[in-house]
Amino acid sequence: MAKVDLNSPFYTISGRLSKKDDVVYRTRNGKSSKYKMNMPKFLGSDKQLRHQDLVREANRLVSEEFSSAERKDYWKSVASDKSNSYKTARGAAFAYFLDKLKKEMSQEK
């Protein structure tokens, strides 16, 4: 993410504008310049990719769950219960589905 300093007398900018952007902005001695930088394209190890898929699936299940008002109210009641540490209904549902998916994966092995 690029950093923009509007308090500077030169209005400096430095860094990338997005993670997908290969153009990097740099300000040195009051002059801003841009250059292309080849960013490493590390996709991650097999374990990291499996975990990303697991989190993606848990998020999808939570979104489906929250499409129903009844289920959304249920998760709000779970989150408001003082016997757990969930601050939000979405957090409680995500933790439940992530744990459920992890157990299913361990049983498949």
Protein backbone atom coordinates (compact mmCIF):
# COMPACT_ATOMS: atom_id res chain seq x y z
CA MET A 1 0.00 0.00 0.00
CA ALA A 2 1.39 3.39 -0.91
CA LYS A 3 1.97 6.00 1.73
CA VAL A 4 0.98 9.58 0.93
CA ASP A 5 2.20 12.35 3.22
CA LEU A 6 0.06 15.43 2.68
CA ASN A 7 1.67 17.31 5.57
CA SER A 8 5.01 17.36 3.80
CA PRO A 9 5.82 20.51 1.82
CA PHE A 10 6.44 18.26 -1.19
CA TYR A 11 3.38 15.98 -0.84
CA THR A 12 5.40 12.79 -0.94
CA ILE A 13 4.25 9.37 -2.09
CA SER A 14 6.08 6.11 -1.58
CA GLY A 15 5.35 2.41 -2.03
CA ARG A 16 3.00 0.40 -4.23
CA LEU A 17 -0.61 1.42 -4.78
CA SER A 18 -1.83 -2.19 -4.57
CA LYS A 19 -0.42 -5.67 -4.05
CA LYS A 20 -1.02 -6.51 -7.70
CA ASP A 21 0.80 -3.40 -8.91
CA ASP A 22 4.41 -3.76 -10.08
CA VAL A 23 4.94 0.01 -10.17
CA VAL A 24 6.60 1.44 -7.07
CA TYR A 25 6.66 5.13 -6.16
CA ARG A 26 9.56 6.67 -4.28
CA THR A 27 10.32 10.18 -3.09
CA ARG A 28 13.93 11.19 -2.57
CA ASN A 29 15.18 14.73 -2.00
CA GLY A 30 11.77 16.17 -2.77
CA LYS A 31 11.48 14.42 -6.15
CA SER A 32 8.94 11.69 -6.73
CA SER A 33 9.74 8.95 -9.19
CA LYS A 34 8.20 5.70 -10.24
CA TYR A 35 9.83 2.52 -11.39
CA LYS A 36 8.85 -1.01 -12.21
CA MET A 37 9.84 -3.66 -9.73
CA ASN A 38 9.57 -7.37 -10.36
CA MET A 39 7.73 -8.67 -7.32
CA PRO A 40 8.21 -12.30 -6.32
CA LYS A 41 5.28 -14.48 -7.31
CA PHE A 42 5.46 -17.00 -4.44
CA LEU A 43 2.18 -18.91 -4.39
CA GLY A 44 2.79 -20.65 -1.09
CA SER A 45 3.51 -24.16 0.05
CA ASP A 46 1.02 -26.99 -0.30
CA LYS A 47 0.06 -26.63 3.35
CA GLN A 48 -0.56 -22.88 2.95
CA LEU A 49 -2.67 -23.45 -0.15
CA ARG A 50 -4.76 -26.11 1.63
CA HIS A 51 -5.31 -23.73 4.55
CA GLN A 52 -6.38 -20.95 2.17
CA ASP A 53 -8.91 -23.32 0.62
CA LEU A 54 -10.14 -24.28 4.08
CA VAL A 55 -10.64 -20.64 5.11
CA ARG A 56 -12.32 -19.85 1.77
CA GLU A 57 -14.78 -22.73 2.27
CA ALA A 58 -15.50 -21.66 5.87
CA ASN A 59 -16.22 -18.10 4.68
CA ARG A 60 -18.56 -19.45 2.00
CA LEU A 61 -20.46 -21.51 4.58
CA VAL A 62 -20.75 -18.50 6.90
CA SER A 63 -22.13 -16.36 4.05
CA GLU A 64 -24.72 -19.03 3.27
CA GLU A 65 -25.62 -19.28 6.95
CA PHE A 66 -26.11 -15.52 7.25
CA SER A 67 -28.48 -15.39 4.30
CA SER A 68 -31.20 -16.68 6.65
CA ALA A 69 -32.44 -14.24 9.30
CA GLU A 70 -33.20 -17.10 11.72
CA ARG A 71 -29.67 -18.46 11.54
CA LYS A 72 -28.22 -14.97 11.84
CA ASP A 73 -30.18 -14.43 15.07
CA TYR A 74 -28.94 -17.79 16.34
CA TRP A 75 -25.31 -16.80 15.79
CA LYS A 76 -25.93 -13.44 17.45
CA SER A 77 -27.17 -15.28 20.53
CA VAL A 78 -24.10 -17.53 20.46
CA ALA A 79 -21.81 -14.50 20.28
CA SER A 80 -23.60 -12.69 23.10
CA ASP A 81 -23.30 -15.72 25.40
CA LYS A 82 -20.69 -14.90 28.07
CA SER A 83 -19.34 -18.47 28.22
CA ASN A 84 -17.40 -18.04 24.95
CA SER A 85 -14.90 -15.52 23.65
CA TYR A 86 -16.59 -14.54 20.37
CA LYS A 87 -17.19 -10.83 19.91
CA THR A 88 -19.30 -11.06 16.77
CA ALA A 89 -21.83 -13.47 15.33
CA ARG A 90 -19.72 -13.83 12.21
CA GLY A 91 -16.67 -14.72 14.28
CA ALA A 92 -18.57 -17.39 16.18
CA ALA A 93 -19.94 -18.92 12.98
CA PHE A 94 -16.56 -18.80 11.27
CA ALA A 95 -14.83 -20.54 14.19
CA TYR A 96 -17.52 -23.24 14.23
CA PHE A 97 -17.30 -23.97 10.51
CA LEU A 98 -13.50 -23.82 10.43
CA ASP A 99 -13.31 -26.33 13.27
CA LYS A 100 -15.90 -28.54 11.58
CA LEU A 101 -13.98 -28.52 8.28
CA LYS A 102 -10.68 -29.28 10.04
CA LYS A 103 -12.26 -32.28 11.77
CA GLU A 104 -13.64 -33.54 8.45
CA MET A 105 -10.21 -33.22 6.86
CA SER A 106 -8.51 -35.12 9.68
CA GLN A 107 -11.08 -37.95 9.41
CA GLU A 108 -10.42 -38.27 5.68
CA LYS A 109 -6.71 -38.98 6.26
